N, C-alpha and C. Protein backbone atom coordinates (compact mmCIF):
# COMPACT_ATOMS: atom_id res chain seq x y z
N MET A 1 4.27 -6.68 4.33
CA MET A 1 4.38 -5.22 4.28
C MET A 1 5.18 -4.71 5.46
N ILE A 2 5.86 -3.60 5.23
CA ILE A 2 6.82 -3.08 6.19
C ILE A 2 6.19 -2.68 7.51
N LEU A 3 5.02 -2.06 7.49
CA LEU A 3 4.46 -1.48 8.71
C LEU A 3 3.46 -2.38 9.39
N ILE A 4 3.19 -3.54 8.83
CA ILE A 4 2.13 -4.41 9.35
C ILE A 4 2.40 -4.82 10.79
N GLY A 5 3.64 -5.12 11.11
CA GLY A 5 3.96 -5.62 12.43
C GLY A 5 3.61 -4.68 13.55
N PHE A 6 3.53 -3.37 13.29
CA PHE A 6 3.21 -2.41 14.33
C PHE A 6 1.74 -2.43 14.71
N PHE A 7 0.88 -2.98 13.84
CA PHE A 7 -0.57 -2.86 14.06
C PHE A 7 -1.29 -4.20 13.89
N LEU A 8 -0.63 -5.32 14.16
CA LEU A 8 -1.17 -6.63 13.81
C LEU A 8 -2.52 -6.92 14.47
N PHE A 9 -2.73 -6.50 15.68
CA PHE A 9 -3.92 -6.91 16.39
C PHE A 9 -4.86 -5.75 16.67
N THR A 10 -4.77 -4.70 15.87
CA THR A 10 -5.66 -3.55 16.03
C THR A 10 -7.03 -3.87 15.46
N ASP A 11 -8.08 -3.54 16.19
CA ASP A 11 -9.45 -3.75 15.69
C ASP A 11 -9.97 -2.43 15.15
N HIS A 12 -10.65 -2.49 14.01
CA HIS A 12 -11.15 -1.27 13.37
C HIS A 12 -12.63 -1.43 13.06
N SER A 13 -13.42 -0.53 13.56
CA SER A 13 -14.86 -0.56 13.29
C SER A 13 -15.17 0.21 12.02
N ASN A 14 -16.36 0.01 11.50
CA ASN A 14 -16.77 0.67 10.26
C ASN A 14 -17.08 2.14 10.52
N VAL A 15 -16.51 3.02 9.71
CA VAL A 15 -16.75 4.45 9.85
C VAL A 15 -17.27 4.97 8.53
N THR A 16 -18.42 5.62 8.56
CA THR A 16 -18.97 6.18 7.33
C THR A 16 -19.42 7.60 7.58
N GLY A 17 -19.57 8.36 6.50
CA GLY A 17 -20.11 9.69 6.60
C GLY A 17 -19.13 10.75 7.07
N GLN A 18 -17.85 10.40 7.20
CA GLN A 18 -16.87 11.35 7.64
C GLN A 18 -16.07 11.89 6.46
N THR A 19 -15.62 13.12 6.58
CA THR A 19 -14.75 13.70 5.57
C THR A 19 -13.38 14.02 6.14
N LYS A 20 -13.26 13.99 7.48
CA LYS A 20 -11.99 14.24 8.15
C LYS A 20 -11.63 13.04 8.99
N ALA A 21 -10.33 12.76 9.06
CA ALA A 21 -9.86 11.63 9.87
C ALA A 21 -9.14 12.16 11.09
N ASN A 22 -9.54 11.68 12.27
CA ASN A 22 -8.92 12.09 13.51
C ASN A 22 -7.88 11.11 14.01
N SER A 23 -7.78 9.95 13.36
CA SER A 23 -6.85 8.92 13.79
C SER A 23 -6.52 8.03 12.61
N LEU A 24 -5.57 7.13 12.83
CA LEU A 24 -5.23 6.14 11.81
C LEU A 24 -6.44 5.26 11.51
N GLU A 25 -7.16 4.85 12.57
CA GLU A 25 -8.34 4.00 12.38
C GLU A 25 -9.38 4.69 11.50
N ASP A 26 -9.61 5.97 11.76
CA ASP A 26 -10.55 6.73 10.94
C ASP A 26 -10.12 6.71 9.48
N GLY A 27 -8.86 6.98 9.25
CA GLY A 27 -8.36 7.05 7.88
C GLY A 27 -8.52 5.74 7.14
N ILE A 28 -8.15 4.64 7.80
CA ILE A 28 -8.28 3.32 7.17
C ILE A 28 -9.72 3.04 6.80
N ASN A 29 -10.63 3.35 7.72
CA ASN A 29 -12.04 3.05 7.49
C ASN A 29 -12.67 3.94 6.42
N ILE A 30 -12.39 5.22 6.49
CA ILE A 30 -12.98 6.14 5.49
C ILE A 30 -12.48 5.80 4.10
N LEU A 31 -11.18 5.62 3.96
CA LEU A 31 -10.62 5.30 2.64
C LEU A 31 -11.11 3.95 2.14
N SER A 32 -11.16 2.96 3.02
CA SER A 32 -11.63 1.63 2.62
C SER A 32 -13.07 1.68 2.14
N ASN A 33 -13.91 2.43 2.85
CA ASN A 33 -15.30 2.56 2.43
C ASN A 33 -15.43 3.27 1.09
N LEU A 34 -14.63 4.30 0.87
CA LEU A 34 -14.69 5.02 -0.40
C LEU A 34 -14.23 4.13 -1.55
N ILE A 35 -13.17 3.35 -1.32
CA ILE A 35 -12.71 2.42 -2.36
C ILE A 35 -13.78 1.36 -2.61
N ALA A 36 -14.38 0.85 -1.55
CA ALA A 36 -15.41 -0.19 -1.69
C ALA A 36 -16.61 0.30 -2.48
N LYS A 37 -16.91 1.57 -2.37
CA LYS A 37 -18.04 2.16 -3.11
C LYS A 37 -17.65 2.57 -4.53
N ASN A 38 -16.41 2.20 -4.91
CA ASN A 38 -15.92 2.55 -6.24
C ASN A 38 -15.89 4.07 -6.44
N HIS A 39 -15.66 4.78 -5.36
CA HIS A 39 -15.70 6.24 -5.36
C HIS A 39 -14.63 6.84 -6.27
N PHE A 40 -13.53 6.12 -6.45
CA PHE A 40 -12.40 6.68 -7.18
C PHE A 40 -12.35 6.25 -8.65
N LYS A 41 -13.39 5.56 -9.09
CA LYS A 41 -13.40 5.08 -10.48
C LYS A 41 -13.27 6.26 -11.43
N SER A 42 -12.26 6.18 -12.30
CA SER A 42 -11.98 7.27 -13.22
C SER A 42 -12.64 7.01 -14.57
N ASN A 43 -13.06 8.08 -15.21
CA ASN A 43 -13.59 7.96 -16.57
C ASN A 43 -12.48 7.82 -17.59
N LYS A 44 -11.25 8.08 -17.15
CA LYS A 44 -10.11 7.96 -18.04
C LYS A 44 -9.63 6.51 -18.04
N PRO A 45 -8.92 6.10 -19.10
CA PRO A 45 -8.48 4.70 -19.19
C PRO A 45 -7.26 4.39 -18.34
N PHE A 46 -6.75 5.33 -17.58
CA PHE A 46 -5.51 5.12 -16.84
C PHE A 46 -5.80 4.93 -15.36
N VAL A 47 -5.48 3.76 -14.82
CA VAL A 47 -5.78 3.46 -13.43
C VAL A 47 -4.96 4.32 -12.48
N LEU A 48 -3.83 4.85 -12.93
CA LEU A 48 -3.01 5.68 -12.05
C LEU A 48 -3.71 6.98 -11.68
N ASP A 49 -4.67 7.41 -12.47
CA ASP A 49 -5.48 8.56 -12.08
C ASP A 49 -6.24 8.26 -10.80
N GLU A 50 -6.67 6.99 -10.64
CA GLU A 50 -7.38 6.59 -9.43
C GLU A 50 -6.44 6.60 -8.23
N VAL A 51 -5.21 6.17 -8.43
CA VAL A 51 -4.22 6.19 -7.34
C VAL A 51 -3.97 7.63 -6.89
N ASP A 52 -3.83 8.53 -7.84
CA ASP A 52 -3.65 9.95 -7.51
C ASP A 52 -4.85 10.48 -6.73
N SER A 53 -6.04 10.06 -7.13
CA SER A 53 -7.26 10.53 -6.48
C SER A 53 -7.36 10.01 -5.04
N ILE A 54 -7.00 8.75 -4.83
CA ILE A 54 -7.01 8.19 -3.48
C ILE A 54 -6.02 8.95 -2.60
N TYR A 55 -4.84 9.22 -3.13
CA TYR A 55 -3.83 9.96 -2.37
C TYR A 55 -4.31 11.38 -2.05
N SER A 56 -4.89 12.05 -3.02
CA SER A 56 -5.39 13.40 -2.82
C SER A 56 -6.47 13.43 -1.75
N THR A 57 -7.35 12.43 -1.76
CA THR A 57 -8.42 12.36 -0.76
C THR A 57 -7.84 12.15 0.64
N ALA A 58 -6.84 11.28 0.75
CA ALA A 58 -6.21 11.03 2.04
C ALA A 58 -5.56 12.31 2.58
N LEU A 59 -4.91 13.07 1.72
CA LEU A 59 -4.30 14.33 2.14
C LEU A 59 -5.34 15.29 2.70
N LYS A 60 -6.46 15.40 2.02
CA LYS A 60 -7.52 16.30 2.47
C LYS A 60 -8.10 15.83 3.81
N MET A 61 -8.23 14.54 3.98
CA MET A 61 -8.77 13.99 5.22
C MET A 61 -7.90 14.36 6.42
N TYR A 62 -6.59 14.42 6.18
CA TYR A 62 -5.65 14.74 7.26
C TYR A 62 -5.13 16.17 7.17
N ASP A 63 -5.90 17.03 6.53
CA ASP A 63 -5.57 18.46 6.44
C ASP A 63 -4.15 18.70 5.94
N GLY A 64 -3.76 17.94 4.93
CA GLY A 64 -2.46 18.15 4.30
C GLY A 64 -1.29 17.48 5.00
N ASP A 65 -1.55 16.71 6.06
CA ASP A 65 -0.47 16.01 6.77
C ASP A 65 -0.03 14.80 5.94
N ILE A 66 1.09 14.93 5.26
CA ILE A 66 1.55 13.89 4.32
C ILE A 66 1.85 12.59 5.04
N SER A 67 2.51 12.68 6.19
CA SER A 67 2.89 11.48 6.94
C SER A 67 1.66 10.67 7.34
N GLU A 68 0.66 11.32 7.91
CA GLU A 68 -0.56 10.64 8.33
C GLU A 68 -1.29 10.03 7.14
N ALA A 69 -1.32 10.76 6.04
CA ALA A 69 -2.01 10.27 4.84
C ALA A 69 -1.33 9.01 4.30
N LEU A 70 0.00 9.03 4.23
CA LEU A 70 0.74 7.88 3.70
C LEU A 70 0.56 6.65 4.58
N LEU A 71 0.54 6.85 5.89
CA LEU A 71 0.37 5.71 6.80
C LEU A 71 -1.02 5.09 6.64
N ALA A 72 -2.04 5.92 6.60
CA ALA A 72 -3.40 5.40 6.43
C ALA A 72 -3.55 4.70 5.08
N LEU A 73 -2.95 5.26 4.05
CA LEU A 73 -3.02 4.66 2.72
C LEU A 73 -2.36 3.29 2.68
N THR A 74 -1.28 3.13 3.42
CA THR A 74 -0.58 1.84 3.44
C THR A 74 -1.52 0.71 3.84
N PHE A 75 -2.33 0.94 4.87
CA PHE A 75 -3.21 -0.12 5.36
C PHE A 75 -4.54 -0.15 4.62
N ALA A 76 -5.02 1.00 4.19
CA ALA A 76 -6.30 1.04 3.48
C ALA A 76 -6.21 0.37 2.11
N THR A 77 -5.02 0.30 1.54
CA THR A 77 -4.88 -0.29 0.21
C THR A 77 -4.37 -1.73 0.23
N LEU A 78 -4.26 -2.32 1.42
CA LEU A 78 -3.88 -3.74 1.49
C LEU A 78 -4.99 -4.61 0.89
N PRO A 79 -4.64 -5.54 0.00
CA PRO A 79 -5.66 -6.41 -0.59
C PRO A 79 -5.91 -7.68 0.23
N PHE A 80 -5.39 -7.76 1.43
CA PHE A 80 -5.62 -8.90 2.30
C PHE A 80 -5.77 -8.39 3.73
N ASN A 81 -6.49 -9.14 4.55
CA ASN A 81 -6.71 -8.73 5.93
C ASN A 81 -6.16 -9.72 6.94
N ARG A 82 -5.52 -10.76 6.43
CA ARG A 82 -4.82 -11.70 7.30
C ARG A 82 -3.51 -12.10 6.64
N MET A 83 -2.51 -12.40 7.47
CA MET A 83 -1.23 -12.84 6.96
C MET A 83 -0.97 -14.26 7.44
N PRO A 84 -1.03 -15.25 6.53
CA PRO A 84 -0.73 -16.63 6.94
C PRO A 84 0.78 -16.82 7.07
N LEU A 85 1.21 -17.40 8.17
CA LEU A 85 2.64 -17.65 8.40
C LEU A 85 2.86 -19.13 8.65
N THR A 86 3.92 -19.66 8.09
CA THR A 86 4.37 -21.01 8.43
C THR A 86 5.78 -20.91 8.98
N ILE A 87 5.94 -21.20 10.26
CA ILE A 87 7.24 -21.09 10.88
C ILE A 87 8.12 -22.24 10.40
N PRO A 88 9.28 -21.90 9.83
CA PRO A 88 10.14 -22.96 9.27
C PRO A 88 10.64 -23.92 10.35
N PHE A 89 10.99 -25.15 9.91
CA PHE A 89 11.55 -26.21 10.74
C PHE A 89 10.50 -26.89 11.62
N ILE A 90 9.67 -26.11 12.31
CA ILE A 90 8.67 -26.74 13.19
C ILE A 90 7.29 -26.79 12.54
N ASP A 91 7.14 -26.15 11.40
CA ASP A 91 5.93 -26.23 10.56
C ASP A 91 4.66 -25.83 11.33
N ILE A 92 4.75 -24.81 12.13
CA ILE A 92 3.57 -24.28 12.82
C ILE A 92 2.94 -23.20 11.96
N LYS A 93 1.64 -23.30 11.76
CA LYS A 93 0.93 -22.34 10.91
C LYS A 93 0.16 -21.35 11.77
N LEU A 94 0.30 -20.07 11.43
CA LEU A 94 -0.40 -19.00 12.13
C LEU A 94 -1.13 -18.14 11.13
N SER A 95 -2.18 -17.46 11.59
CA SER A 95 -2.89 -16.51 10.75
C SER A 95 -3.01 -15.21 11.53
N LEU A 96 -2.25 -14.21 11.13
CA LEU A 96 -2.20 -12.94 11.85
C LEU A 96 -3.20 -11.96 11.24
N ARG A 97 -4.06 -11.42 12.08
CA ARG A 97 -5.07 -10.47 11.62
C ARG A 97 -4.44 -9.09 11.45
N LEU A 98 -4.75 -8.44 10.34
CA LEU A 98 -4.17 -7.14 10.02
C LEU A 98 -5.20 -6.03 10.20
N PRO A 99 -4.74 -4.79 10.32
CA PRO A 99 -5.68 -3.66 10.41
C PRO A 99 -6.59 -3.64 9.19
N SER A 100 -7.88 -3.69 9.41
CA SER A 100 -8.81 -3.74 8.27
C SER A 100 -10.18 -3.30 8.73
N VAL A 101 -11.14 -3.47 7.84
CA VAL A 101 -12.54 -3.10 8.10
C VAL A 101 -13.37 -4.37 8.16
N LYS A 102 -14.68 -4.21 8.33
CA LYS A 102 -15.56 -5.37 8.36
C LYS A 102 -15.43 -6.17 7.07
N GLU A 103 -15.70 -7.48 7.18
CA GLU A 103 -15.42 -8.39 6.07
C GLU A 103 -16.13 -7.99 4.78
N ASN A 104 -17.40 -7.59 4.87
CA ASN A 104 -18.13 -7.25 3.64
C ASN A 104 -17.54 -6.02 2.97
N ILE A 105 -17.13 -5.03 3.77
CA ILE A 105 -16.50 -3.84 3.20
C ILE A 105 -15.14 -4.19 2.63
N PHE A 106 -14.40 -5.03 3.34
CA PHE A 106 -13.07 -5.44 2.86
C PHE A 106 -13.17 -6.13 1.50
N LEU A 107 -14.13 -7.03 1.35
CA LEU A 107 -14.26 -7.76 0.08
C LEU A 107 -14.59 -6.81 -1.08
N GLU A 108 -15.46 -5.83 -0.81
CA GLU A 108 -15.78 -4.85 -1.85
C GLU A 108 -14.58 -3.96 -2.14
N LYS A 109 -13.85 -3.57 -1.10
CA LYS A 109 -12.66 -2.75 -1.30
C LYS A 109 -11.65 -3.47 -2.16
N ARG A 110 -11.41 -4.74 -1.86
CA ARG A 110 -10.43 -5.51 -2.62
C ARG A 110 -10.82 -5.60 -4.09
N LYS A 111 -12.12 -5.69 -4.34
CA LYS A 111 -12.60 -5.78 -5.72
C LYS A 111 -12.23 -4.54 -6.53
N PHE A 112 -12.28 -3.37 -5.88
CA PHE A 112 -12.10 -2.11 -6.60
C PHE A 112 -10.74 -1.47 -6.40
N LEU A 113 -9.84 -2.14 -5.69
CA LEU A 113 -8.48 -1.60 -5.57
C LEU A 113 -7.83 -1.51 -6.94
N PRO A 114 -7.12 -0.42 -7.24
CA PRO A 114 -6.39 -0.34 -8.52
C PRO A 114 -5.37 -1.46 -8.62
N GLY A 115 -5.42 -2.22 -9.69
CA GLY A 115 -4.49 -3.34 -9.86
C GLY A 115 -3.63 -3.25 -11.09
N ILE A 116 -4.14 -2.60 -12.13
CA ILE A 116 -3.36 -2.52 -13.38
C ILE A 116 -2.49 -1.27 -13.31
N VAL A 117 -1.54 -1.29 -12.40
CA VAL A 117 -0.74 -0.09 -12.14
C VAL A 117 0.53 -0.02 -12.98
N PHE A 118 0.95 -1.16 -13.55
CA PHE A 118 2.15 -1.20 -14.38
C PHE A 118 1.77 -1.68 -15.78
N PHE A 119 2.63 -1.42 -16.73
CA PHE A 119 2.30 -1.78 -18.10
C PHE A 119 2.20 -3.29 -18.29
N ASP A 120 2.85 -4.07 -17.41
CA ASP A 120 2.81 -5.52 -17.55
C ASP A 120 1.95 -6.18 -16.47
N SER A 121 1.09 -5.41 -15.82
CA SER A 121 0.17 -6.00 -14.84
C SER A 121 -0.79 -6.96 -15.52
N ASN A 122 -1.13 -8.03 -14.82
CA ASN A 122 -2.04 -9.04 -15.35
C ASN A 122 -3.47 -8.54 -15.19
N ILE A 123 -4.12 -8.24 -16.29
CA ILE A 123 -5.44 -7.63 -16.24
C ILE A 123 -6.48 -8.57 -15.64
N ASN A 124 -6.25 -9.88 -15.71
CA ASN A 124 -7.23 -10.84 -15.20
C ASN A 124 -6.88 -11.37 -13.80
N GLY A 125 -5.60 -11.38 -13.47
CA GLY A 125 -5.19 -12.03 -12.23
C GLY A 125 -5.19 -11.15 -11.01
N GLY A 126 -5.26 -9.84 -11.17
CA GLY A 126 -5.22 -8.95 -10.03
C GLY A 126 -3.91 -9.02 -9.27
N GLN A 127 -2.84 -9.42 -9.96
CA GLN A 127 -1.58 -9.70 -9.29
C GLN A 127 -0.93 -8.46 -8.69
N ASP A 128 -1.31 -7.29 -9.13
CA ASP A 128 -0.63 -6.08 -8.66
C ASP A 128 -1.46 -5.23 -7.71
N LYS A 129 -2.51 -5.80 -7.15
CA LYS A 129 -3.31 -5.02 -6.20
C LYS A 129 -2.55 -4.75 -4.91
N ASP A 130 -1.48 -5.50 -4.66
CA ASP A 130 -0.69 -5.25 -3.45
C ASP A 130 0.41 -4.20 -3.67
N LYS A 131 0.64 -3.82 -4.92
CA LYS A 131 1.77 -2.93 -5.20
C LYS A 131 1.55 -1.52 -4.67
N ILE A 132 0.29 -1.08 -4.60
CA ILE A 132 0.03 0.27 -4.10
C ILE A 132 0.35 0.36 -2.61
N ALA A 133 0.04 -0.70 -1.85
CA ALA A 133 0.37 -0.71 -0.43
C ALA A 133 1.88 -0.72 -0.23
N HIS A 134 2.59 -1.49 -1.05
CA HIS A 134 4.05 -1.47 -1.01
C HIS A 134 4.56 -0.04 -1.28
N PHE A 135 3.99 0.56 -2.28
CA PHE A 135 4.41 1.90 -2.69
C PHE A 135 4.21 2.92 -1.57
N PHE A 136 3.01 2.96 -1.00
CA PHE A 136 2.72 3.96 0.03
C PHE A 136 3.46 3.65 1.34
N GLY A 137 3.64 2.38 1.66
CA GLY A 137 4.37 2.02 2.87
C GLY A 137 5.81 2.50 2.83
N ASN A 138 6.46 2.32 1.70
CA ASN A 138 7.85 2.77 1.58
C ASN A 138 7.95 4.28 1.43
N ALA A 139 6.92 4.89 0.86
CA ALA A 139 6.89 6.35 0.80
C ALA A 139 6.81 6.93 2.22
N PHE A 140 5.99 6.29 3.06
CA PHE A 140 5.88 6.73 4.46
C PHE A 140 7.23 6.66 5.16
N LEU A 141 7.93 5.54 4.98
CA LEU A 141 9.23 5.37 5.64
C LEU A 141 10.25 6.39 5.13
N ALA A 142 10.32 6.54 3.81
CA ALA A 142 11.30 7.46 3.24
C ALA A 142 11.01 8.90 3.65
N TYR A 143 9.74 9.25 3.74
CA TYR A 143 9.36 10.61 4.10
C TYR A 143 9.71 10.92 5.56
N ASN A 144 9.63 9.90 6.42
CA ASN A 144 9.81 10.11 7.85
C ASN A 144 11.19 9.73 8.38
N ILE A 145 11.92 8.92 7.62
CA ILE A 145 13.24 8.46 8.07
C ILE A 145 14.30 9.08 7.19
N SER A 146 15.25 9.75 7.79
CA SER A 146 16.25 10.49 7.01
C SER A 146 17.22 9.57 6.29
N SER A 147 17.46 8.38 6.82
CA SER A 147 18.43 7.48 6.21
C SER A 147 17.77 6.67 5.10
N VAL A 148 18.14 6.95 3.87
CA VAL A 148 17.59 6.20 2.72
C VAL A 148 17.99 4.74 2.81
N ASN A 149 19.23 4.46 3.25
CA ASN A 149 19.69 3.08 3.33
C ASN A 149 18.83 2.27 4.31
N PHE A 150 18.39 2.91 5.40
CA PHE A 150 17.54 2.22 6.36
C PHE A 150 16.21 1.86 5.74
N SER A 151 15.65 2.76 4.94
CA SER A 151 14.40 2.49 4.25
C SER A 151 14.56 1.32 3.29
N LYS A 152 15.66 1.29 2.55
CA LYS A 152 15.92 0.18 1.63
C LYS A 152 16.06 -1.13 2.40
N PHE A 153 16.76 -1.07 3.53
CA PHE A 153 16.97 -2.27 4.32
C PHE A 153 15.64 -2.85 4.79
N LEU A 154 14.74 -2.01 5.28
CA LEU A 154 13.45 -2.48 5.76
C LEU A 154 12.65 -3.13 4.64
N GLY A 155 12.68 -2.52 3.45
CA GLY A 155 11.96 -3.08 2.32
C GLY A 155 12.47 -4.46 1.96
N LEU A 156 13.79 -4.63 1.93
CA LEU A 156 14.39 -5.92 1.61
C LEU A 156 14.14 -6.92 2.73
N PHE A 157 14.21 -6.45 3.97
CA PHE A 157 13.99 -7.33 5.12
C PHE A 157 12.60 -7.95 5.08
N VAL A 158 11.60 -7.14 4.78
CA VAL A 158 10.23 -7.65 4.74
C VAL A 158 10.08 -8.70 3.65
N GLU A 159 10.68 -8.47 2.49
CA GLU A 159 10.61 -9.46 1.41
C GLU A 159 11.27 -10.77 1.85
N MET A 160 12.42 -10.69 2.51
CA MET A 160 13.10 -11.89 2.98
C MET A 160 12.27 -12.59 4.07
N PHE A 161 11.62 -11.80 4.92
CA PHE A 161 10.75 -12.35 5.97
C PHE A 161 9.60 -13.13 5.35
N GLU A 162 8.96 -12.55 4.33
CA GLU A 162 7.83 -13.21 3.69
C GLU A 162 8.26 -14.51 3.03
N ALA A 163 9.44 -14.51 2.43
CA ALA A 163 9.93 -15.73 1.77
C ALA A 163 10.29 -16.80 2.80
N THR A 164 10.96 -16.39 3.87
CA THR A 164 11.42 -17.34 4.89
C THR A 164 10.25 -17.99 5.62
N PHE A 165 9.23 -17.20 5.95
CA PHE A 165 8.11 -17.71 6.71
C PHE A 165 6.95 -18.14 5.81
N ASN A 166 7.23 -18.34 4.55
CA ASN A 166 6.25 -18.86 3.60
C ASN A 166 5.01 -18.00 3.48
N VAL A 167 5.14 -16.69 3.71
CA VAL A 167 4.05 -15.78 3.39
C VAL A 167 3.91 -15.73 1.88
N SER A 168 5.04 -15.71 1.19
CA SER A 168 5.07 -15.88 -0.25
C SER A 168 6.15 -16.90 -0.56
N ASN A 169 6.13 -17.45 -1.74
CA ASN A 169 7.04 -18.53 -2.06
C ASN A 169 8.48 -18.07 -2.25
N LYS A 170 8.66 -16.82 -2.61
CA LYS A 170 10.01 -16.32 -2.89
C LYS A 170 9.98 -14.80 -2.83
N VAL A 171 11.18 -14.21 -2.88
CA VAL A 171 11.28 -12.76 -2.93
C VAL A 171 10.66 -12.28 -4.23
N ASP A 172 9.74 -11.33 -4.14
CA ASP A 172 9.07 -10.78 -5.31
C ASP A 172 9.79 -9.51 -5.74
N TYR A 173 10.52 -9.61 -6.84
CA TYR A 173 11.31 -8.46 -7.28
C TYR A 173 10.44 -7.31 -7.79
N ARG A 174 9.21 -7.63 -8.17
CA ARG A 174 8.30 -6.55 -8.57
C ARG A 174 7.84 -5.78 -7.33
N ASP A 175 7.74 -6.47 -6.20
CA ASP A 175 7.47 -5.78 -4.94
C ASP A 175 8.63 -4.85 -4.59
N LEU A 176 9.85 -5.34 -4.77
CA LEU A 176 11.02 -4.52 -4.47
C LEU A 176 11.06 -3.28 -5.35
N GLN A 177 10.68 -3.43 -6.61
CA GLN A 177 10.65 -2.27 -7.50
C GLN A 177 9.58 -1.28 -7.05
N SER A 178 8.43 -1.80 -6.59
CA SER A 178 7.40 -0.92 -6.05
C SER A 178 7.91 -0.20 -4.80
N ASN A 179 8.68 -0.92 -3.98
CA ASN A 179 9.28 -0.30 -2.80
C ASN A 179 10.20 0.86 -3.19
N HIS A 180 11.03 0.63 -4.20
CA HIS A 180 11.97 1.67 -4.64
C HIS A 180 11.22 2.91 -5.14
N LEU A 181 10.16 2.67 -5.89
CA LEU A 181 9.38 3.80 -6.41
C LEU A 181 8.71 4.57 -5.28
N GLY A 182 8.19 3.85 -4.29
CA GLY A 182 7.59 4.51 -3.13
C GLY A 182 8.62 5.31 -2.35
N GLU A 183 9.81 4.75 -2.21
CA GLU A 183 10.89 5.46 -1.52
C GLU A 183 11.24 6.75 -2.26
N PHE A 184 11.32 6.67 -3.57
CA PHE A 184 11.62 7.84 -4.40
C PHE A 184 10.53 8.90 -4.21
N PHE A 185 9.28 8.45 -4.18
CA PHE A 185 8.15 9.35 -3.97
C PHE A 185 8.24 10.04 -2.61
N GLY A 186 8.48 9.25 -1.56
CA GLY A 186 8.56 9.80 -0.21
C GLY A 186 9.68 10.81 -0.06
N ASN A 187 10.85 10.51 -0.62
CA ASN A 187 11.96 11.45 -0.56
C ASN A 187 11.64 12.74 -1.32
N SER A 188 10.99 12.60 -2.46
CA SER A 188 10.67 13.76 -3.29
C SER A 188 9.64 14.66 -2.60
N LEU A 189 8.74 14.05 -1.83
CA LEU A 189 7.72 14.83 -1.11
C LEU A 189 8.34 15.79 -0.11
N GLN A 190 9.52 15.47 0.38
CA GLN A 190 10.18 16.35 1.35
C GLN A 190 10.52 17.70 0.74
N ASN A 191 10.81 17.70 -0.54
CA ASN A 191 11.20 18.94 -1.22
C ASN A 191 10.09 19.52 -2.09
N ASN A 192 9.17 18.67 -2.52
CA ASN A 192 8.10 19.14 -3.39
C ASN A 192 6.80 18.42 -3.01
N PRO A 193 6.01 18.99 -2.13
CA PRO A 193 4.79 18.32 -1.66
C PRO A 193 3.70 18.19 -2.72
N ASP A 194 3.92 18.75 -3.89
CA ASP A 194 2.90 18.72 -4.94
C ASP A 194 3.06 17.55 -5.91
N VAL A 195 4.10 16.73 -5.74
CA VAL A 195 4.27 15.60 -6.65
C VAL A 195 3.16 14.58 -6.43
N LYS A 196 2.89 13.77 -7.46
CA LYS A 196 1.81 12.79 -7.40
C LYS A 196 2.36 11.37 -7.50
N PRO A 197 1.65 10.39 -6.95
CA PRO A 197 2.11 9.00 -7.07
C PRO A 197 2.35 8.56 -8.51
N SER A 198 1.48 8.97 -9.42
CA SER A 198 1.62 8.53 -10.81
C SER A 198 2.93 8.99 -11.44
N ASP A 199 3.47 10.13 -10.96
CA ASP A 199 4.74 10.61 -11.49
C ASP A 199 5.85 9.59 -11.28
N PHE A 200 5.70 8.77 -10.25
CA PHE A 200 6.75 7.82 -9.90
C PHE A 200 6.41 6.39 -10.30
N LEU A 201 5.13 6.02 -10.24
CA LEU A 201 4.73 4.69 -10.67
C LEU A 201 4.99 4.50 -12.17
N ASN A 202 4.92 5.59 -12.91
CA ASN A 202 5.19 5.51 -14.35
C ASN A 202 6.64 5.17 -14.66
N ILE A 203 7.52 5.32 -13.66
CA ILE A 203 8.95 5.04 -13.87
C ILE A 203 9.20 3.54 -13.92
N TYR A 204 8.21 2.74 -13.53
CA TYR A 204 8.38 1.29 -13.48
C TYR A 204 8.92 0.73 -14.79
N SER A 205 8.44 1.25 -15.90
CA SER A 205 8.87 0.73 -17.19
C SER A 205 10.38 0.87 -17.38
N LEU A 206 10.96 1.93 -16.79
CA LEU A 206 12.42 2.10 -16.88
C LEU A 206 13.14 1.02 -16.10
N PHE A 207 12.62 0.67 -14.91
CA PHE A 207 13.18 -0.44 -14.14
C PHE A 207 13.12 -1.73 -14.95
N TYR A 208 11.94 -1.95 -15.55
CA TYR A 208 11.71 -3.20 -16.25
C TYR A 208 12.70 -3.37 -17.39
N PHE A 209 12.82 -2.37 -18.21
CA PHE A 209 13.69 -2.52 -19.37
C PHE A 209 15.17 -2.44 -19.00
N SER A 210 15.48 -1.97 -17.79
CA SER A 210 16.86 -1.92 -17.33
C SER A 210 17.34 -3.28 -16.84
N TYR A 211 16.38 -4.08 -16.26
CA TYR A 211 16.77 -5.34 -15.62
C TYR A 211 16.31 -6.56 -16.41
N ASN A 212 15.65 -6.35 -17.53
CA ASN A 212 15.16 -7.49 -18.31
C ASN A 212 15.65 -7.43 -19.74
């Protein structure tokens, strides 16, 4: 993920009972606890309603501050709390701890993270639980950085980094598509703060049929 490197060794304690976030740590903990409690479970059959609800809750926690909400969402929606790295050529293995909550809360949060976000998501494999973090991370960058090309570069750089250091086996083009959608969302928020994540995640099908 794009923003992980800035917060690799941050420790986060469990925060409950709060409705407002005073810091990034607060936001990560409050959102993670709410997801772990299945707070966002929708009665509708569309998981993107849950994504919209998580985003709306984050906005309220930060009193409408879009930038703060997007940053907290990036880490609160990560489906992993450690990043295994294998340094090429010398084959040294590292495990980098990421901003997260206590292990029991993290495991429950991961269970209830929205995963069926695209029409071709694997309903059994949970393969797309990381796409929301990709989406919000790139939305944060696009919203805060004026250069769209720089945002694209960072998204591609992270994918190449993950492939090179064996975080993943190869560049995940579905991750890149999630990055593009998040970037589109972040740019659109600059002009229309009322847009919702689902308005942009639904565009995935257009990417799919354009490139396949």
